[in-house]
C-alpha cells in the first residue's frame, strides 16, 4: 500500500497527479500544474464553516461541515474523488496544511469506497514553500547569463534553441512589452512562480547548473519575477543579440501581427477574433501614449489603423511595416540603446543569432 509522502521533489519532478481538496477560491489563487481541484467544501460552505470556527470553535465547525457535506452532495464528491483516484493510481491528495480536510477525504474514500489514497503531508503550504526555496537556492548556487538585444532581434527564438534556457515570457504567457499580451491571458502570480520553480527543479535534476534567461524588467505583464532572481539579474553577465533593422521589423510582423491575430482567431473565431486582435493592438499603442508624446502617437495610431483596415479587407499585412518601423526607430531603439549603455560593463559577448547561439552553447560546457 502506498503511504503519505513529504517527498515534494519527487512529486514535482514526476509531474504526479494531485487532488486539491481546498475550496475553489483557494485553488484559483494559486495551485500546481499537475493538480485538479476536487474540494471537500465549496466556497460558500467553507466560509460558513470558517465563521463557525471563529465564533464557536473547532468541534462546532467540524459538526457544521458534516451537516453541509452529506447525503447526495457527499455522494457526488465521493464519486469524483474515487474517479480521480482510480484514474491516477500514482497520485496524491492534499489540502492547505495537509490537515483536517485531506484527512477527511482520505478517510471517507477508505471507509465508503474501499480506496486507500495517500496524502501529501504538509499540504499546499509546505509544497509552495519548497518551490520558493528551490528558486532561491538555484539563484544562489547556479550560473546565470542574460540574453539582451533590441526589440525584435529574436531573443525568444534563441532561447528555444538552447537546452539550458528559462523562457520567462513563455512561463508568464506574455511577450514582455506593451504589445506582449497573448490571446489566452496570463497565469496568476503564484502559478507563474510555481511553474518557474518546477522548470528550474527539473533542469537541475537533469544536471544543468548554467542557465540563460532573457534580460527582463521586474514585471512581465502582470507577473512579477521572484525577487531573488530579479536582484540577481542586476548583476548577471549579459550577451547581446544583434540583427538588422529590416530583420527585426519582419520578426515583429510575424510574431505581433500574424501570430497574435492567429491566436485571437483560434480562440474566438474569425470575425470576433480579428476585432479583438485589432482592439488589442490599438490599446497596446495607447498604453504608451505618454511616453510617445501626442503627435507621434497620433501619427503611429493612424498608420496602425490603416494597416488593420487593409488586413481586415484583403488579408494583406504589408502596411503594418510602417508603424512597426516608426515605433522601433523612434521609441524602442533609443530606449534599449540607453539600457545597453548602462549595462555595457556586463556585456561579455555580442553577435548575430548564429554567433550568439554558438557562444552560449560553448559557455554551457565550461
Protein backbone atom coordinates (compact mmCIF):
# COMPACT_ATOMS: atom_id res chain seq x y z
CA UNK A 1 0.00 0.00 0.00
CA UNK A 2 1.26 3.49 -0.85
CA UNK A 3 1.82 5.77 2.13
CA UNK A 4 1.54 9.50 2.76
CA UNK A 5 4.55 11.46 1.49
CA UNK A 6 6.60 14.56 2.13
CA UNK A 7 8.86 13.96 -0.89
CA UNK A 8 7.88 17.16 -2.68
CA UNK A 9 10.83 16.95 -5.05
CA UNK A 10 9.70 13.58 -6.41
CA UNK A 11 6.15 14.88 -6.83
CA UNK A 12 7.21 17.82 -8.98
CA UNK A 13 9.92 16.02 -10.93
CA UNK A 14 7.43 13.29 -11.81
CA UNK A 15 4.50 15.63 -12.56
CA UNK A 16 2.48 13.36 -10.30
CA UNK A 17 -1.29 13.98 -10.38
CA UNK A 18 -2.65 15.68 -7.27
CA UNK A 19 -6.17 16.06 -5.93
CA UNK A 20 -6.50 19.50 -4.35
CA UNK A 21 -9.19 19.33 -1.64
CA UNK A 22 -9.13 23.08 -0.95
CA UNK A 23 -12.06 25.31 -1.87
CA UNK A 24 -12.15 26.72 -5.42
CA UNK A 25 -11.30 30.25 -4.22
CA UNK A 26 -8.07 28.91 -2.70
CA UNK A 27 -7.23 26.87 -5.78
CA UNK A 28 -7.67 29.82 -8.14
CA UNK A 29 -5.34 31.98 -6.06
CA UNK A 30 -2.56 29.53 -6.73
CA UNK A 31 -2.05 25.85 -7.46
CA UNK A 32 0.35 23.41 -9.09
CA UNK A 33 0.38 22.41 -12.78
CA UNK A 34 -0.49 18.76 -12.13
CA UNK A 35 -3.26 19.48 -9.58
CA UNK A 36 -7.03 19.15 -10.08
CA UNK A 37 -9.46 20.91 -7.76
CA UNK A 38 -11.89 18.42 -6.19
CA UNK A 39 -12.84 20.25 -3.00
CA UNK A 40 -14.22 18.88 0.23
CA UNK A 41 -16.26 22.08 0.53
CA UNK A 42 -17.27 24.72 -1.99
CA UNK A 43 -16.58 28.39 -1.32
CA UNK A 44 -19.89 29.12 0.44
CA UNK A 45 -19.60 26.04 2.67
CA UNK A 46 -16.01 26.87 3.56
CA UNK A 47 -16.99 30.42 4.50
CA UNK A 48 -19.78 29.21 6.79
CA UNK A 49 -17.51 26.67 8.48
CA UNK A 50 -14.79 29.29 8.90
CA UNK A 51 -17.21 31.72 10.55
CA UNK A 52 -18.44 28.95 12.84
CA UNK A 53 -14.86 28.10 13.81
CA UNK A 54 -14.14 31.71 14.78
CA UNK A 55 -17.31 32.04 16.83
CA UNK A 56 -17.77 28.58 18.34
CA UNK A 57 -14.52 26.63 17.98
CA UNK A 58 -13.22 23.64 16.05
CA UNK A 59 -15.68 20.97 17.16
CA UNK A 60 -18.72 23.06 16.21
CA UNK A 61 -17.10 23.83 12.84
CA UNK A 62 -16.47 20.13 12.18
CA UNK A 63 -20.06 19.28 13.01
CA UNK A 64 -21.34 22.01 10.70
CA UNK A 65 -19.07 20.76 7.92
CA UNK A 66 -20.55 17.25 8.23
CA UNK A 67 -24.06 18.74 8.09
CA UNK A 68 -23.24 20.73 4.94
CA UNK A 69 -21.46 17.87 3.13
CA UNK A 70 -23.83 14.93 3.47
CA UNK A 71 -26.35 12.89 1.50
CA UNK A 72 -26.33 13.44 -2.26
CA UNK A 73 -23.69 16.20 -2.00
CA UNK A 74 -21.29 13.90 -0.17
CA UNK A 75 -22.00 11.02 -2.58
CA UNK A 76 -21.29 13.19 -5.63
CA UNK A 77 -17.99 14.37 -4.19
CA UNK A 78 -17.02 10.84 -3.24
CA UNK A 79 -17.77 9.77 -6.81
CA UNK A 80 -15.44 12.48 -8.13
CA UNK A 81 -12.65 11.61 -5.68
CA UNK A 82 -12.97 7.92 -6.40
CA UNK A 83 -12.87 8.51 -10.15
CA UNK A 84 -9.71 10.61 -9.76
CA UNK A 85 -8.05 8.01 -7.53
CA UNK A 86 -8.91 5.24 -9.99
CA UNK A 87 -7.68 7.23 -12.99
CA UNK A 88 -4.48 8.33 -11.21
CA UNK A 89 -3.24 5.45 -9.03
CA UNK A 90 0.17 7.17 -8.72
CA UNK A 91 -1.29 10.43 -7.39
CA UNK A 92 -1.79 12.11 -4.03
CA UNK A 93 -4.32 14.34 -2.33
CA UNK A 94 -3.70 17.46 -0.26
CA UNK A 95 -5.37 20.42 1.42
CA UNK A 96 -3.84 23.66 2.67
CA UNK A 97 -1.67 22.30 5.50
CA UNK A 98 -2.15 18.57 5.00
CA UNK A 99 -4.56 18.58 7.92
CA UNK A 100 -8.23 18.04 8.58
CA UNK A 101 -9.73 18.40 5.10
CA UNK A 102 -7.38 15.99 3.37
CA UNK A 103 -7.67 13.59 6.29
CA UNK A 104 -11.47 13.60 5.96
CA UNK A 105 -11.31 12.99 2.20
CA UNK A 106 -8.81 10.20 2.76
CA UNK A 107 -10.95 8.59 5.49
CA UNK A 108 -14.19 8.81 3.52
CA UNK A 109 -12.55 7.25 0.47
CA UNK A 110 -11.23 4.40 2.59
CA UNK A 111 -14.37 3.80 4.66
CA UNK A 112 -17.03 4.28 1.99
CA UNK A 113 -15.30 3.31 -1.27
CA UNK A 114 -12.55 0.98 -0.08
CA UNK A 115 -9.85 3.18 -1.66
CA UNK A 116 -6.59 3.89 0.16
CA UNK A 117 -5.27 7.13 -1.33
CA UNK A 118 -2.19 8.81 0.15
CA UNK A 119 -1.90 12.42 1.25
CA UNK A 120 0.86 14.98 0.86
CA UNK A 121 1.88 15.77 4.43
CA UNK A 122 2.27 19.50 4.97
CA UNK A 123 -0.14 20.12 2.08
CA UNK A 124 -0.13 23.08 -0.24
CA UNK A 125 1.70 25.35 2.18
CA UNK A 126 4.69 23.02 2.52
CA UNK A 127 4.90 22.34 -1.24
CA UNK A 128 4.69 26.06 -2.01
CA UNK A 129 7.46 26.77 0.48
CA UNK A 130 9.58 24.03 -1.06
CA UNK A 131 9.24 25.59 -4.53
CA UNK A 132 10.06 29.12 -3.32
CA UNK A 133 13.15 27.78 -1.57
CA UNK A 134 14.14 25.86 -4.72
CA UNK A 135 14.17 29.10 -6.74
CA UNK A 136 16.21 30.92 -4.09
CA UNK A 137 18.66 28.01 -3.99
CA UNK A 138 19.04 27.95 -7.78
CA UNK A 139 19.78 31.69 -7.95
CA UNK A 140 22.36 31.35 -5.19
CA UNK A 141 24.05 28.19 -6.50
CA UNK A 142 23.80 28.29 -10.31
CA UNK A 143 25.43 30.34 -13.06
CA UNK A 144 23.13 32.67 -15.00
CA UNK A 145 23.70 34.78 -18.10
CA UNK A 146 21.24 37.31 -19.52
CA UNK A 147 20.30 37.48 -23.18
CA UNK A 148 19.66 41.07 -24.26
CA UNK A 149 19.10 42.87 -27.53
CA UNK A 150 16.95 45.44 -29.28
CA UNK A 151 13.25 44.71 -29.74
CA UNK A 152 12.69 42.12 -32.47
CA UNK A 153 16.16 40.57 -32.55
CA UNK A 154 14.68 37.15 -31.79
CA UNK A 155 15.74 36.57 -28.21
CA UNK A 156 12.92 34.07 -27.66
CA UNK A 157 13.93 32.21 -30.84
CA UNK A 158 17.43 31.80 -29.39
CA UNK A 159 16.13 30.64 -26.01
CA UNK A 160 14.01 27.96 -27.67
CA UNK A 161 17.13 26.52 -29.32
CA UNK A 162 19.03 26.15 -26.04
CA UNK A 163 18.57 23.21 -23.68
CA UNK A 164 19.58 25.30 -20.65
CA UNK A 165 17.27 28.28 -21.14
CA UNK A 166 14.49 29.56 -18.90
CA UNK A 167 11.73 31.09 -21.01
CA UNK A 168 10.35 33.59 -18.51
CA UNK A 169 7.99 35.13 -21.07
CA UNK A 170 6.71 31.69 -22.03
CA UNK A 171 6.07 30.83 -18.38
CA UNK A 172 4.28 34.17 -17.92
CA UNK A 173 2.43 33.80 -21.28
CA UNK A 174 3.37 37.36 -22.21
CA UNK A 175 5.96 38.80 -24.60
CA UNK A 176 7.15 41.38 -22.12
CA UNK A 177 6.35 44.67 -23.84
CA UNK A 178 3.30 46.90 -24.15
CA UNK A 179 2.33 44.73 -27.13
CA UNK A 180 3.08 41.48 -25.30
CA UNK A 181 -0.38 40.34 -24.16
CA UNK A 182 -1.44 36.98 -25.57
CA UNK A 183 -4.96 35.93 -26.53
CA UNK A 184 -5.09 33.31 -23.79
CA UNK A 185 -4.20 35.55 -20.83
CA UNK A 186 -1.60 35.16 -18.11
CA UNK A 187 -1.31 32.81 -15.16
CA UNK A 188 -1.72 34.20 -11.67
CA UNK A 189 1.40 35.34 -9.83
CA UNK A 190 1.62 32.22 -7.65
CA UNK A 191 1.09 29.91 -10.63
CA UNK A 192 3.86 31.73 -12.54
CA UNK A 193 6.28 31.35 -9.62
CA UNK A 194 5.39 27.68 -9.25
CA UNK A 195 5.94 26.99 -12.96
CA UNK A 196 9.33 28.71 -12.88
CA UNK A 197 10.43 26.81 -9.78
CA UNK A 198 9.41 23.46 -11.29
CA UNK A 199 11.25 24.27 -14.53
CA UNK A 200 14.41 25.08 -12.56
CA UNK A 201 13.98 21.95 -10.44
CA UNK A 202 13.69 19.71 -13.50
CA UNK A 203 16.63 21.30 -15.28
CA UNK A 204 18.86 20.93 -12.23
CA UNK A 205 17.76 17.31 -11.85
CA UNK A 206 18.91 16.80 -15.46
CA UNK A 207 22.36 18.07 -14.46
CA UNK A 208 22.15 21.65 -15.71
CA UNK A 209 23.68 24.34 -13.50
CA UNK A 210 24.17 27.12 -16.08
CA UNK A 211 21.11 28.98 -17.33
CA UNK A 212 20.27 31.56 -19.99
CA UNK A 213 17.40 33.96 -19.33
CA UNK A 214 16.16 36.96 -21.26
CA UNK A 215 17.04 40.35 -19.81
CA UNK A 216 13.70 41.47 -18.35
CA UNK A 217 12.29 44.14 -16.11
CA UNK A 218 10.69 43.14 -12.81
CA UNK A 219 7.26 42.77 -14.45
CA UNK A 220 6.36 40.55 -17.39
CA UNK A 221 2.87 41.85 -17.98
CA UNK A 222 1.11 41.26 -14.67
CA UNK A 223 3.62 38.64 -13.45
CA UNK A 224 6.47 39.81 -11.21
CA UNK A 225 9.79 37.99 -11.27
CA UNK A 226 10.69 36.38 -7.94
CA UNK A 227 12.77 38.92 -6.02
CA UNK A 228 15.91 36.76 -5.67
CA UNK A 229 16.00 36.23 -9.44
CA UNK A 230 15.31 39.88 -10.26
CA UNK A 231 18.01 41.05 -7.86
CA UNK A 232 20.44 38.61 -9.42
CA UNK A 233 19.61 39.84 -12.91
CA UNK A 234 21.02 43.25 -12.00
CA UNK A 235 24.43 41.59 -11.61
CA UNK A 236 24.44 38.69 -14.10
CA UNK A 237 26.68 38.95 -17.19
CA UNK A 238 25.00 39.85 -20.45
CA UNK A 239 25.14 38.52 -24.01
CA UNK A 240 23.82 40.97 -26.62
CA UNK A 241 21.92 39.71 -29.68
CA UNK A 242 22.11 41.77 -32.88
CA UNK A 243 20.10 41.80 -36.10
CA UNK A 244 19.40 44.18 -38.97
CA UNK A 245 16.61 46.74 -38.70
CA UNK A 246 14.69 45.09 -41.55
CA UNK A 247 15.08 41.66 -40.00
CA UNK A 248 13.66 42.96 -36.73
CA UNK A 249 10.67 44.55 -38.49
CA UNK A 250 9.90 41.24 -40.19
CA UNK A 251 10.17 39.29 -36.95
CA UNK A 252 7.80 41.67 -35.15
CA UNK A 253 5.41 41.47 -38.08
CA UNK A 254 5.49 37.66 -37.79
CA UNK A 255 5.05 37.49 -34.01
CA UNK A 256 2.96 40.52 -33.07
CA UNK A 257 0.72 40.76 -36.13
CA UNK A 258 0.44 37.43 -37.95
CA UNK A 259 0.96 35.23 -34.90
CA UNK A 260 -1.14 37.24 -32.48
CA UNK A 261 -4.01 37.60 -34.94
CA UNK A 262 -3.99 33.83 -35.47
CA UNK A 263 -4.13 33.31 -31.70
CA UNK A 264 -7.23 35.51 -31.34
CA UNK A 265 -8.94 33.88 -34.32
CA UNK A 266 -8.20 30.40 -32.94
CA UNK A 267 -9.73 31.31 -29.58
CA UNK A 268 -12.67 33.49 -30.67
CA UNK A 269 -13.40 32.71 -34.34
CA UNK A 270 -12.71 34.73 -37.49
CA UNK A 271 -14.67 37.98 -37.14
CA UNK A 272 -14.77 38.39 -33.35
CA UNK A 273 -11.18 37.19 -33.16
CA UNK A 274 -9.95 39.81 -35.61
CA UNK A 275 -11.96 42.54 -33.87
CA UNK A 276 -10.43 41.64 -30.51
CA UNK A 277 -6.95 41.45 -32.07
CA UNK A 278 -7.37 44.90 -33.63
CA UNK A 279 -8.59 46.36 -30.33
CA UNK A 280 -5.64 44.79 -28.50
CA UNK A 281 -3.21 46.41 -30.95
CA UNK A 282 -4.83 49.83 -30.62
CA UNK A 283 -4.87 49.56 -26.83
CA UNK A 284 -1.22 48.43 -26.72
CA UNK A 285 -0.17 51.55 -28.59
CA UNK A 286 -2.41 53.75 -26.42
CA UNK A 287 -0.75 52.32 -23.32
CA UNK A 288 2.49 54.15 -24.18
CA UNK A 289 0.92 57.42 -25.38
CA UNK A 290 2.55 59.44 -22.60
CA UNK A 291 6.00 58.12 -23.48
CA UNK A 292 5.43 58.58 -27.22
CA UNK A 293 4.04 62.09 -27.00
CA UNK A 294 0.81 63.24 -28.57
CA UNK A 295 1.97 64.00 -32.13
CA UNK A 296 3.97 60.81 -32.54
CA UNK A 297 1.19 58.71 -31.03
CA UNK A 298 -1.41 60.18 -33.41
CA UNK A 299 0.83 59.53 -36.43
CA UNK A 300 1.62 55.93 -35.48
CA UNK A 301 -2.00 55.25 -34.48
CA UNK A 302 -3.16 56.40 -37.93
CA UNK A 303 -0.64 54.07 -39.62
CA UNK A 304 -1.73 51.19 -37.39
CA UNK A 305 -5.41 51.78 -38.19
CA UNK A 306 -4.73 51.89 -41.94
CA UNK A 307 -2.85 48.60 -41.66
CA UNK A 308 -5.63 46.98 -39.66
CA UNK A 309 -8.27 48.17 -42.13
CA UNK A 310 -6.33 46.72 -45.06
CA UNK A 311 -5.64 43.47 -43.21
CA UNK A 312 -9.33 43.05 -42.47
CA UNK A 313 -10.33 43.94 -46.04
CA UNK A 314 -7.83 41.87 -48.01
CA UNK A 315 -5.69 39.91 -45.55
CA UNK A 316 -2.60 41.87 -46.64
CA UNK A 317 -0.17 42.74 -43.85
CA UNK A 318 2.38 44.91 -45.68
CA UNK A 319 1.11 48.20 -44.28
CA UNK A 320 1.96 47.10 -40.75
CA UNK A 321 5.66 47.57 -41.54
CA UNK A 322 5.26 51.36 -41.48
CA UNK A 323 4.11 51.73 -37.88
CA UNK A 324 6.42 48.94 -36.71
CA UNK A 325 9.42 50.69 -38.24
CA UNK A 326 8.35 54.02 -36.76
CA UNK A 327 7.86 52.55 -33.29
CA UNK A 328 11.22 50.78 -33.37
CA UNK A 329 13.25 53.69 -34.70
CA UNK A 330 11.61 56.43 -32.67
CA UNK A 331 10.78 54.72 -29.39
CA UNK A 332 12.13 51.26 -28.62
CA UNK A 333 15.63 51.58 -30.12
CA UNK A 334 16.60 54.77 -28.25
CA UNK A 335 15.26 53.27 -25.00
CA UNK A 336 17.15 50.00 -25.45
CA UNK A 337 20.32 51.81 -26.54
CA UNK A 338 20.24 53.73 -23.28
CA UNK A 339 19.79 50.47 -21.34
CA UNK A 340 22.66 48.84 -23.21
CA UNK A 341 24.98 51.73 -22.38
CA UNK A 342 24.04 51.43 -18.72
CA UNK A 343 24.90 47.71 -18.78
CA UNK A 344 27.93 47.92 -21.10
CA UNK A 345 30.41 46.70 -18.49
CA UNK A 346 28.47 43.44 -18.08
CA UNK A 347 28.32 42.57 -21.80
CA UNK A 348 30.67 39.62 -22.36
CA UNK A 349 29.71 38.85 -25.97
CA UNK A 350 27.64 40.28 -28.82
CA UNK A 351 26.80 38.95 -32.24
CA UNK A 352 24.23 37.62 -34.68
CA UNK A 353 21.81 34.85 -33.81
CA UNK A 354 24.13 32.12 -35.11
CA UNK A 355 27.13 33.60 -33.30
CA UNK A 356 25.24 34.05 -30.03
CA UNK A 357 23.86 30.51 -30.17
CA UNK A 358 27.34 29.08 -30.72
CA UNK A 359 28.77 31.17 -27.88
CA UNK A 360 26.03 30.24 -25.40
CA UNK A 361 26.29 26.55 -26.23
CA UNK A 362 30.03 26.63 -25.70
CA UNK A 363 29.60 28.63 -22.49
CA UNK A 364 27.24 25.99 -21.06
CA UNK A 365 30.03 23.40 -21.34
CA UNK A 366 32.60 25.32 -19.33
